[in-house]
Amino acid sequence: MNKNPYEVLGVARDATDADIKKAYHKLVMKYHPDRNPDNKDAEEKFKEVNNAFDILKDPQKRAAYDRFGDAAFANGNAAGAGFGGANPFGDGAFHFNMGGGAGMEDILREAMRGFGFGDFGGASHGSGAAQQRGGRDLLDEVVIDLKDAYFGKTHTVKFSSNVQCEKCHGYGTADGKPAPVCPKCGGSGFVHTRQGFFAMETPCPECNGLGRKIDKKCSECDGTGTQHKQRTLEVKIPAGIEDGARLRLAGQGEAGANGASAGDFYLDVRIRPDKRFERRGNDLIMRIDVPFTTLALGGEIEVETIDDKKLEVKVPAGTQVGEKLRVRGHGMPNVRRGGFGDLYIDVAIKIPTKLTDKQKKALSEFAELKSDKKGWF
């Protein structure tokens, strides 16, 4: 029979990954064969330490051990190889595949729920701890102008959600400290029962699946570790953000129950169509009516950019309607790589509807000077 991996490493059942690694490195240095030549006891200890670490470093293996103990690795199966050949429940029980993918475990899970039995989930129970009720993710949406997307802005979100109880620091206990490990389930949050030839696990009745037994509940949150309050978040929208982008604020969602991790807050960003500019990636396109004489003879036009700057843009002689003039570096900021896209001026022409006699005469003279019968263009 394998020794208890927690006892081998000298850590508690609710030890963090960092605590486990620290204990492992300390012991492996102590019992390393190079430091203990010809020492059979040290060699055996070295193997035990490595076996224990192999179980506890892997979330699925650790969860399996916490739920089934040594039975999870019975019949000579290597830790973490899954239960597909081992029988963690004893004779007559089904073999569940914990390695992922659809297996008998997935088929039975829903069936057992229908009969009021517990969930068989593998890693969903956490890395050796109880299945804590993590906080929900929250989602909101904001609609901004293209100019806001150019400069970036801070968006204020006001909403109500569960937050960590200030009095008990989220633990749900009267003294504001973590509750002791439940003695009935050993901190796993589950107990093993048998119904005929079915062996299964159900939430621990002593701790309601928390893995910790709260004797005296916090008076503010009644032992849940959370309170419902109004909240305000300041979300920084980066310059150059694209339409449909989703921003994530880790840990800013709803608080988890009894010290479980909080969810995340997501903000979907939509950008209103702009009257002057069309956006294509990081480039901007604007349509400008240019006088016919400027197109024909060449010249300059004044352009107002999205950041309210006025530029003089050169128009080459003979520029055709529909051509695009490129102004480098006056598009949208590139939120990923830095720098800016370009501004393209879509050349158009506005035909005057009212002409003075002098203008009509000048155009008539120009028409008479055309070189062929196909027209000016």
Protein backbone atom coordinates (compact mmCIF):
# COMPACT_ATOMS: atom_id res chain seq x y z
CA MET A 1 0.00 0.00 0.00
CA ASN A 2 1.29 3.46 -0.91
CA LYS A 3 1.94 5.88 1.88
CA ASN A 4 -0.20 8.99 2.27
CA PRO A 5 1.45 11.54 -0.09
CA TYR A 6 0.51 14.44 2.19
CA GLU A 7 2.24 12.75 5.13
CA VAL A 8 5.28 11.87 3.01
CA LEU A 9 5.77 15.52 2.00
CA GLY A 10 4.68 16.84 5.39
CA VAL A 11 1.96 19.13 4.05
CA ALA A 12 -1.72 19.61 4.88
CA ARG A 13 -4.51 18.42 2.62
CA ASP A 14 -5.34 22.00 1.67
CA ALA A 15 -1.72 22.87 0.87
CA THR A 16 -1.18 25.10 -2.14
CA ASP A 17 0.86 24.07 -5.17
CA ALA A 18 3.65 26.37 -3.96
CA ASP A 19 3.69 24.69 -0.52
CA ILE A 20 3.87 21.24 -2.15
CA LYS A 21 6.75 22.21 -4.44
CA LYS A 22 8.66 23.80 -1.56
CA ALA A 23 8.32 20.69 0.61
CA TYR A 24 9.27 18.43 -2.30
CA HIS A 25 12.47 20.31 -3.16
CA LYS A 26 13.53 20.32 0.49
CA LEU A 27 13.05 16.56 0.91
CA VAL A 28 14.45 15.54 -2.44
CA MET A 29 17.67 17.37 -1.61
CA LYS A 30 17.78 15.70 1.80
CA TYR A 31 17.36 12.12 0.51
CA HIS A 32 19.09 12.41 -2.86
CA PRO A 33 21.30 9.31 -3.53
CA ASP A 34 24.31 11.50 -4.30
CA ARG A 35 24.17 12.85 -0.77
CA ASN A 36 23.45 9.46 0.77
CA PRO A 37 25.62 6.85 -0.97
CA ASP A 38 24.87 3.23 -0.03
CA ASN A 39 22.02 4.35 2.23
CA LYS A 40 19.06 2.07 1.52
CA ASP A 41 16.73 3.98 3.85
CA ALA A 42 17.49 7.29 2.12
CA GLU A 43 17.00 5.63 -1.26
CA GLU A 44 13.57 4.38 -0.19
CA LYS A 45 12.64 7.81 1.19
CA PHE A 46 13.75 9.39 -2.08
CA LYS A 47 11.39 7.13 -4.01
CA GLU A 48 8.51 7.86 -1.63
CA VAL A 49 9.02 11.61 -1.97
CA ASN A 50 9.00 11.41 -5.77
CA ASN A 51 5.92 9.18 -5.80
CA ALA A 52 4.10 11.54 -3.47
CA PHE A 53 5.01 14.58 -5.55
CA ASP A 54 3.97 12.79 -8.73
CA ILE A 55 0.46 12.47 -7.28
CA LEU A 56 0.06 15.90 -5.68
CA LYS A 57 1.55 17.98 -8.50
CA ASP A 58 -1.11 16.77 -10.94
CA PRO A 59 -4.65 18.15 -10.30
CA GLN A 60 -6.40 15.02 -11.60
CA LYS A 61 -4.19 12.61 -9.69
CA ARG A 62 -4.52 14.65 -6.54
CA ALA A 63 -8.31 14.82 -6.91
CA ALA A 64 -8.45 11.07 -7.49
CA TYR A 65 -6.41 10.36 -4.35
CA ASP A 66 -8.51 12.76 -2.24
CA ARG A 67 -11.70 11.03 -3.30
CA PHE A 68 -10.65 7.39 -3.36
CA GLY A 69 -7.37 7.17 -1.47
CA ASP A 70 -5.05 4.31 -2.41
CA ALA A 71 -7.88 2.65 -4.33
CA ALA A 72 -7.45 5.24 -7.05
CA PHE A 73 -4.14 3.61 -7.94
CA ALA A 74 -4.94 0.00 -7.16
CA ASN A 75 -3.97 -3.06 -9.21
CA GLY A 76 -0.57 -1.61 -9.99
CA ASN A 77 -1.83 1.30 -12.10
CA ALA A 78 0.47 4.27 -12.32
CA ALA A 79 -0.81 7.46 -10.75
CA GLY A 80 -2.75 9.53 -13.21
CA ALA A 81 -3.06 6.79 -15.81
CA GLY A 82 -6.81 6.96 -15.32
CA PHE A 83 -9.15 4.41 -13.86
CA GLY A 84 -9.56 2.56 -17.13
CA GLY A 85 -8.33 -0.82 -15.84
CA ALA A 86 -8.13 -0.14 -12.14
CA ASN A 87 -11.17 -0.56 -9.97
CA PRO A 88 -11.23 2.25 -7.40
CA PHE A 89 -14.61 1.15 -6.04
CA GLY A 90 -13.90 -2.51 -5.36
CA ASP A 91 -15.36 -5.59 -7.06
CA GLY A 92 -18.40 -5.12 -9.27
CA ALA A 93 -17.98 -1.36 -9.80
CA PHE A 94 -17.78 0.33 -13.20
CA HIS A 95 -14.41 1.52 -14.52
CA PHE A 96 -14.35 5.27 -15.16
CA ASN A 97 -11.93 7.02 -17.52
CA MET A 98 -10.59 10.13 -15.82
CA GLY A 99 -8.25 11.05 -18.64
CA GLY A 100 -10.75 13.22 -20.55
CA GLY A 101 -12.99 12.52 -23.49
CA ALA A 102 -16.39 10.83 -23.55
CA GLY A 103 -16.34 7.61 -21.54
CA MET A 104 -18.49 5.62 -19.16
CA GLU A 105 -17.97 8.40 -16.64
CA ASP A 106 -19.66 10.94 -18.92
CA ILE A 107 -22.54 8.59 -19.69
CA LEU A 108 -23.20 7.79 -16.04
CA ARG A 109 -22.80 11.34 -14.76
CA GLU A 110 -26.08 12.59 -16.16
CA ALA A 111 -27.87 9.36 -15.28
CA MET A 112 -26.74 9.53 -11.67
CA ARG A 113 -27.81 13.15 -11.40
CA GLY A 114 -31.28 12.06 -12.42
CA PHE A 115 -31.36 9.68 -9.45
CA GLY A 116 -30.07 12.33 -7.06
CA PHE A 117 -26.52 11.00 -6.90
CA GLY A 118 -23.40 13.15 -6.91
CA ASP A 119 -21.29 14.28 -9.85
CA PHE A 120 -18.47 11.97 -10.95
CA GLY A 121 -16.48 14.82 -12.58
CA GLY A 122 -12.73 14.37 -12.70
CA ALA A 123 -10.76 17.59 -12.37
CA SER A 124 -13.90 19.61 -11.77
CA HIS A 125 -13.62 18.94 -8.04
CA GLY A 126 -10.42 20.92 -7.88
CA SER A 127 -6.87 19.97 -7.10
CA GLY A 128 -7.48 17.85 -4.05
CA ALA A 129 -9.87 20.27 -2.40
CA ALA A 130 -13.61 20.47 -2.22
CA GLN A 131 -15.63 21.64 -5.16
CA GLN A 132 -15.88 25.28 -4.21
CA ARG A 133 -18.51 27.56 -5.67
CA GLY A 134 -16.47 29.98 -7.71
CA GLY A 135 -17.91 33.38 -8.51
CA ARG A 136 -19.79 33.98 -11.75
CA ASP A 137 -18.29 35.85 -14.66
CA LEU A 138 -20.01 39.15 -15.44
CA LEU A 139 -20.52 40.75 -18.86
CA ASP A 140 -21.37 44.30 -19.91
CA GLU A 141 -21.30 46.23 -23.18
CA VAL A 142 -20.38 49.80 -24.06
CA VAL A 143 -20.83 51.72 -27.33
CA ILE A 144 -18.21 54.39 -28.04
CA ASP A 145 -17.38 56.82 -30.84
CA LEU A 146 -14.56 56.21 -33.28
CA LYS A 147 -12.69 59.17 -31.80
CA ASP A 148 -12.89 57.50 -28.36
CA ALA A 149 -11.41 54.39 -29.94
CA TYR A 150 -8.61 56.54 -31.37
CA PHE A 151 -7.66 58.23 -28.11
CA GLY A 152 -8.77 55.53 -25.67
CA LYS A 153 -10.91 56.31 -22.66
CA THR A 154 -11.92 55.18 -19.19
CA HIS A 155 -15.43 53.76 -18.96
CA THR A 156 -17.24 53.68 -15.63
CA VAL A 157 -19.47 50.66 -14.99
CA LYS A 158 -22.00 50.63 -12.15
CA PHE A 159 -23.74 47.41 -11.18
CA SER A 160 -24.60 45.20 -8.21
CA SER A 161 -23.13 41.78 -7.49
CA ASN A 162 -21.85 39.52 -4.74
CA VAL A 163 -18.64 40.76 -3.17
CA GLN A 164 -16.38 39.28 -0.54
CA CYS A 165 -17.73 39.77 2.95
CA GLU A 166 -15.54 42.36 4.68
CA LYS A 167 -16.19 41.07 8.17
CA CYS A 168 -15.08 37.47 7.61
CA HIS A 169 -12.75 38.10 4.63
CA GLY A 170 -14.81 35.69 2.54
CA TYR A 171 -14.39 32.63 4.80
CA GLY A 172 -17.91 32.70 6.23
CA THR A 173 -16.65 32.18 9.78
CA ALA A 174 -17.40 34.29 12.84
CA ASP A 175 -13.71 34.85 13.57
CA GLY A 176 -12.78 35.69 9.99
CA LYS A 177 -10.34 32.79 9.72
CA PRO A 178 -10.42 29.71 7.45
CA ALA A 179 -12.70 27.03 8.85
CA PRO A 180 -11.04 23.78 9.93
CA VAL A 181 -10.96 20.84 7.56
CA CYS A 182 -14.11 18.77 7.75
CA PRO A 183 -13.33 15.61 9.79
CA LYS A 184 -15.91 13.50 7.96
CA CYS A 185 -14.62 13.97 4.38
CA GLY A 186 -11.03 14.94 5.21
CA GLY A 187 -11.35 18.16 3.21
CA SER A 188 -12.39 16.58 -0.08
CA GLY A 189 -16.02 17.68 0.24
CA PHE A 190 -17.28 14.20 -0.75
CA VAL A 191 -18.07 10.93 0.92
CA HIS A 192 -18.23 7.49 -0.70
CA THR A 193 -21.39 5.44 -0.62
CA ARG A 194 -22.57 2.25 -2.25
CA GLN A 195 -25.95 1.51 -3.80
CA GLY A 196 -26.00 -2.13 -4.80
CA PHE A 197 -23.21 -2.62 -7.32
CA PHE A 198 -22.83 1.16 -7.77
CA ALA A 199 -20.08 2.86 -5.80
CA MET A 200 -20.34 6.61 -5.88
CA GLU A 201 -19.50 9.81 -4.14
CA THR A 202 -21.93 12.37 -2.78
CA PRO A 203 -21.44 15.81 -1.21
CA CYS A 204 -20.40 15.53 2.39
CA PRO A 205 -23.46 16.10 4.65
CA GLU A 206 -21.33 17.63 7.40
CA CYS A 207 -19.83 20.46 5.33
CA ASN A 208 -22.23 20.51 2.35
CA GLY A 209 -19.38 19.78 -0.01
CA LEU A 210 -17.16 22.67 1.13
CA GLY A 211 -14.45 20.49 2.64
CA ARG A 212 -14.37 22.74 5.70
CA LYS A 213 -16.73 22.67 8.67
CA ILE A 214 -18.02 26.10 9.74
CA ASP A 215 -19.08 25.85 13.36
CA LYS A 216 -19.92 29.52 13.92
CA LYS A 217 -21.13 31.46 10.91
CA CYS A 218 -20.35 35.08 10.18
CA SER A 219 -23.25 37.28 11.29
CA GLU A 220 -22.94 39.54 8.24
CA CYS A 221 -23.06 36.93 5.45
CA ASP A 222 -24.59 33.95 7.31
CA GLY A 223 -21.62 31.77 6.43
CA THR A 224 -21.63 32.32 2.64
CA GLY A 225 -18.58 34.60 2.62
CA THR A 226 -20.31 37.03 0.24
CA GLN A 227 -22.60 40.06 0.35
CA HIS A 228 -24.65 41.74 -2.39
CA LYS A 229 -23.56 45.32 -2.94
CA GLN A 230 -23.45 48.12 -5.48
CA ARG A 231 -20.12 48.33 -7.28
CA THR A 232 -18.26 50.72 -9.55
CA LEU A 233 -15.50 49.64 -11.93
CA GLU A 234 -13.22 51.88 -13.96
CA VAL A 235 -12.37 50.07 -17.20
CA LYS A 236 -9.54 51.45 -19.32
CA ILE A 237 -10.35 51.12 -23.02
CA PRO A 238 -7.03 51.13 -24.89
CA ALA A 239 -6.36 53.44 -27.83
CA GLY A 240 -6.88 51.62 -31.12
CA ILE A 241 -9.41 49.11 -29.81
CA GLU A 242 -11.42 47.39 -32.54
CA ASP A 243 -15.15 47.01 -32.85
CA GLY A 244 -16.34 43.86 -31.09
CA ALA A 245 -13.28 43.55 -28.85
CA ARG A 246 -13.80 42.04 -25.39
CA LEU A 247 -11.82 43.34 -22.40
CA ARG A 248 -11.24 41.07 -19.39
CA LEU A 249 -10.71 42.18 -15.81
CA ALA A 250 -9.53 39.08 -13.98
CA GLY A 251 -11.09 38.51 -10.58
CA GLN A 252 -13.52 41.42 -10.88
CA GLY A 253 -16.62 39.30 -11.35
CA GLU A 254 -18.77 37.97 -8.55
CA ALA A 255 -17.04 36.78 -5.41
CA GLY A 256 -16.92 33.04 -4.83
CA ALA A 257 -18.59 31.46 -1.83
CA ASN A 258 -16.53 30.69 1.29
CA GLY A 259 -13.24 31.96 -0.09
CA ALA A 260 -13.52 30.42 -3.57
CA SER A 261 -12.02 32.39 -6.43
CA ALA A 262 -13.96 35.28 -7.91
CA GLY A 263 -15.17 35.29 -11.48
CA ASP A 264 -13.98 37.68 -14.16
CA PHE A 265 -15.58 40.84 -15.55
CA TYR A 266 -15.84 41.22 -19.31
CA LEU A 267 -16.64 44.37 -21.28
CA ASP A 268 -17.67 44.12 -24.94
CA VAL A 269 -16.78 47.26 -26.89
CA ARG A 270 -18.83 48.39 -29.87
CA ILE A 271 -17.91 51.39 -32.05
CA ARG A 272 -20.50 53.65 -33.68
CA PRO A 273 -20.22 54.29 -37.42
CA ASP A 274 -18.50 57.63 -38.05
CA LYS A 275 -19.84 60.21 -40.47
CA ARG A 276 -16.42 61.18 -41.83
CA PHE A 277 -14.24 58.11 -41.55
CA GLU A 278 -14.52 54.47 -42.54
CA ARG A 279 -12.23 52.13 -40.67
CA ARG A 280 -10.48 49.18 -42.27
CA GLY A 281 -8.17 47.53 -39.79
CA ASN A 282 -5.89 50.29 -38.56
CA ASP A 283 -6.41 52.44 -41.68
CA LEU A 284 -8.98 55.20 -42.09
CA ILE A 285 -10.68 56.24 -45.30
CA MET A 286 -12.37 59.59 -45.85
CA ARG A 287 -14.13 60.90 -48.94
CA ILE A 288 -13.30 64.44 -50.03
CA ASP A 289 -14.66 66.48 -52.93
CA VAL A 290 -11.74 68.02 -54.79
CA PRO A 291 -12.18 70.85 -57.33
CA PHE A 292 -11.84 69.76 -60.97
CA THR A 293 -9.13 72.32 -61.57
CA THR A 294 -7.06 70.95 -58.67
CA LEU A 295 -7.38 67.42 -60.03
CA ALA A 296 -6.37 68.53 -63.49
CA LEU A 297 -3.60 70.99 -62.63
CA GLY A 298 -2.49 69.64 -59.27
CA GLY A 299 -2.38 71.52 -56.00
CA GLU A 300 -3.08 71.08 -52.31
CA ILE A 301 -6.18 70.43 -50.23
CA GLU A 302 -6.71 70.88 -46.51
CA VAL A 303 -7.69 67.74 -44.58
CA GLU A 304 -8.87 67.52 -40.96
CA THR A 305 -7.73 64.26 -39.34
CA ILE A 306 -9.54 62.25 -36.67
CA ASP A 307 -7.38 63.83 -33.96
CA ASP A 308 -8.47 67.31 -35.13
CA LYS A 309 -5.23 68.20 -36.87
CA LYS A 310 -5.27 70.07 -40.18
CA LEU A 311 -2.95 68.81 -42.89
CA GLU A 312 -2.07 70.15 -46.32
CA VAL A 313 -2.17 67.20 -48.72
CA LYS A 314 -0.61 67.40 -52.16
CA VAL A 315 -2.81 66.41 -55.09
CA PRO A 316 -0.75 65.37 -58.16
CA ALA A 317 -1.81 66.82 -61.53
CA GLY A 318 -4.09 64.46 -63.42
CA THR A 319 -5.48 62.72 -60.32
CA GLN A 320 -8.57 60.76 -61.27
CA VAL A 321 -11.87 60.47 -59.42
CA GLY A 322 -11.83 57.31 -57.32
CA GLU A 323 -8.08 57.35 -56.73
CA LYS A 324 -6.92 57.30 -53.12
CA LEU A 325 -4.29 59.62 -51.72
CA ARG A 326 -2.27 58.07 -48.90
CA VAL A 327 -1.24 60.01 -45.81
CA ARG A 328 1.05 57.83 -43.71
CA GLY A 329 0.70 57.56 -39.95
CA HIS A 330 -2.65 59.34 -39.60
CA GLY A 331 -4.87 56.28 -39.20
CA MET A 332 -5.82 54.42 -36.02
CA PRO A 333 -3.34 53.38 -33.31
CA ASN A 334 -2.20 49.76 -33.52
CA VAL A 335 -3.20 48.36 -30.15
CA ARG A 336 -1.00 45.27 -30.54
CA ARG A 337 2.23 46.43 -32.17
CA GLY A 338 2.16 50.18 -31.60
CA GLY A 339 2.40 52.83 -34.28
CA PHE A 340 -0.44 54.02 -36.47
CA GLY A 341 -2.23 52.99 -39.61
CA ASP A 342 -2.60 55.29 -42.61
CA LEU A 343 -5.25 57.74 -43.76
CA TYR A 344 -6.57 57.32 -47.31
CA ILE A 345 -8.38 60.14 -49.07
CA ASP A 346 -10.95 58.83 -51.51
CA VAL A 347 -10.96 61.47 -54.24
CA ALA A 348 -14.39 62.63 -55.40
CA ILE A 349 -15.63 65.64 -57.34
CA LYS A 350 -18.63 67.84 -56.91
CA ILE A 351 -20.09 69.25 -60.10
CA PRO A 352 -21.25 72.84 -59.61
CA THR A 353 -24.93 73.42 -60.38
CA LYS A 354 -24.82 77.22 -60.58
CA LEU A 355 -22.23 78.93 -62.80
CA THR A 356 -21.66 82.58 -63.49
CA ASP A 357 -21.58 83.79 -67.08
CA LYS A 358 -17.82 84.20 -66.83
CA GLN A 359 -17.41 80.61 -65.64
CA LYS A 360 -19.67 79.29 -68.40
CA LYS A 361 -17.64 81.17 -71.00
CA ALA A 362 -14.35 79.79 -69.62
CA LEU A 363 -15.66 76.24 -69.70
CA SER A 364 -17.00 76.67 -73.21
CA GLU A 365 -13.62 77.89 -74.39
CA PHE A 366 -11.99 74.91 -72.67
CA ALA A 367 -14.40 72.57 -74.41
CA GLU A 368 -13.51 74.00 -77.77
CA LEU A 369 -9.83 73.31 -77.04
CA LYS A 370 -10.32 69.59 -76.36
CA SER A 371 -8.00 67.42 -78.41
CA ASP A 372 -10.46 64.68 -79.43
CA LYS A 373 -14.18 63.97 -79.62
CA LYS A 374 -14.17 61.63 -76.60
CA GLY A 375 -14.22 64.45 -74.12
CA TRP A 376 -11.82 65.85 -71.55
CA PHE A 377 -11.20 62.63 -69.75
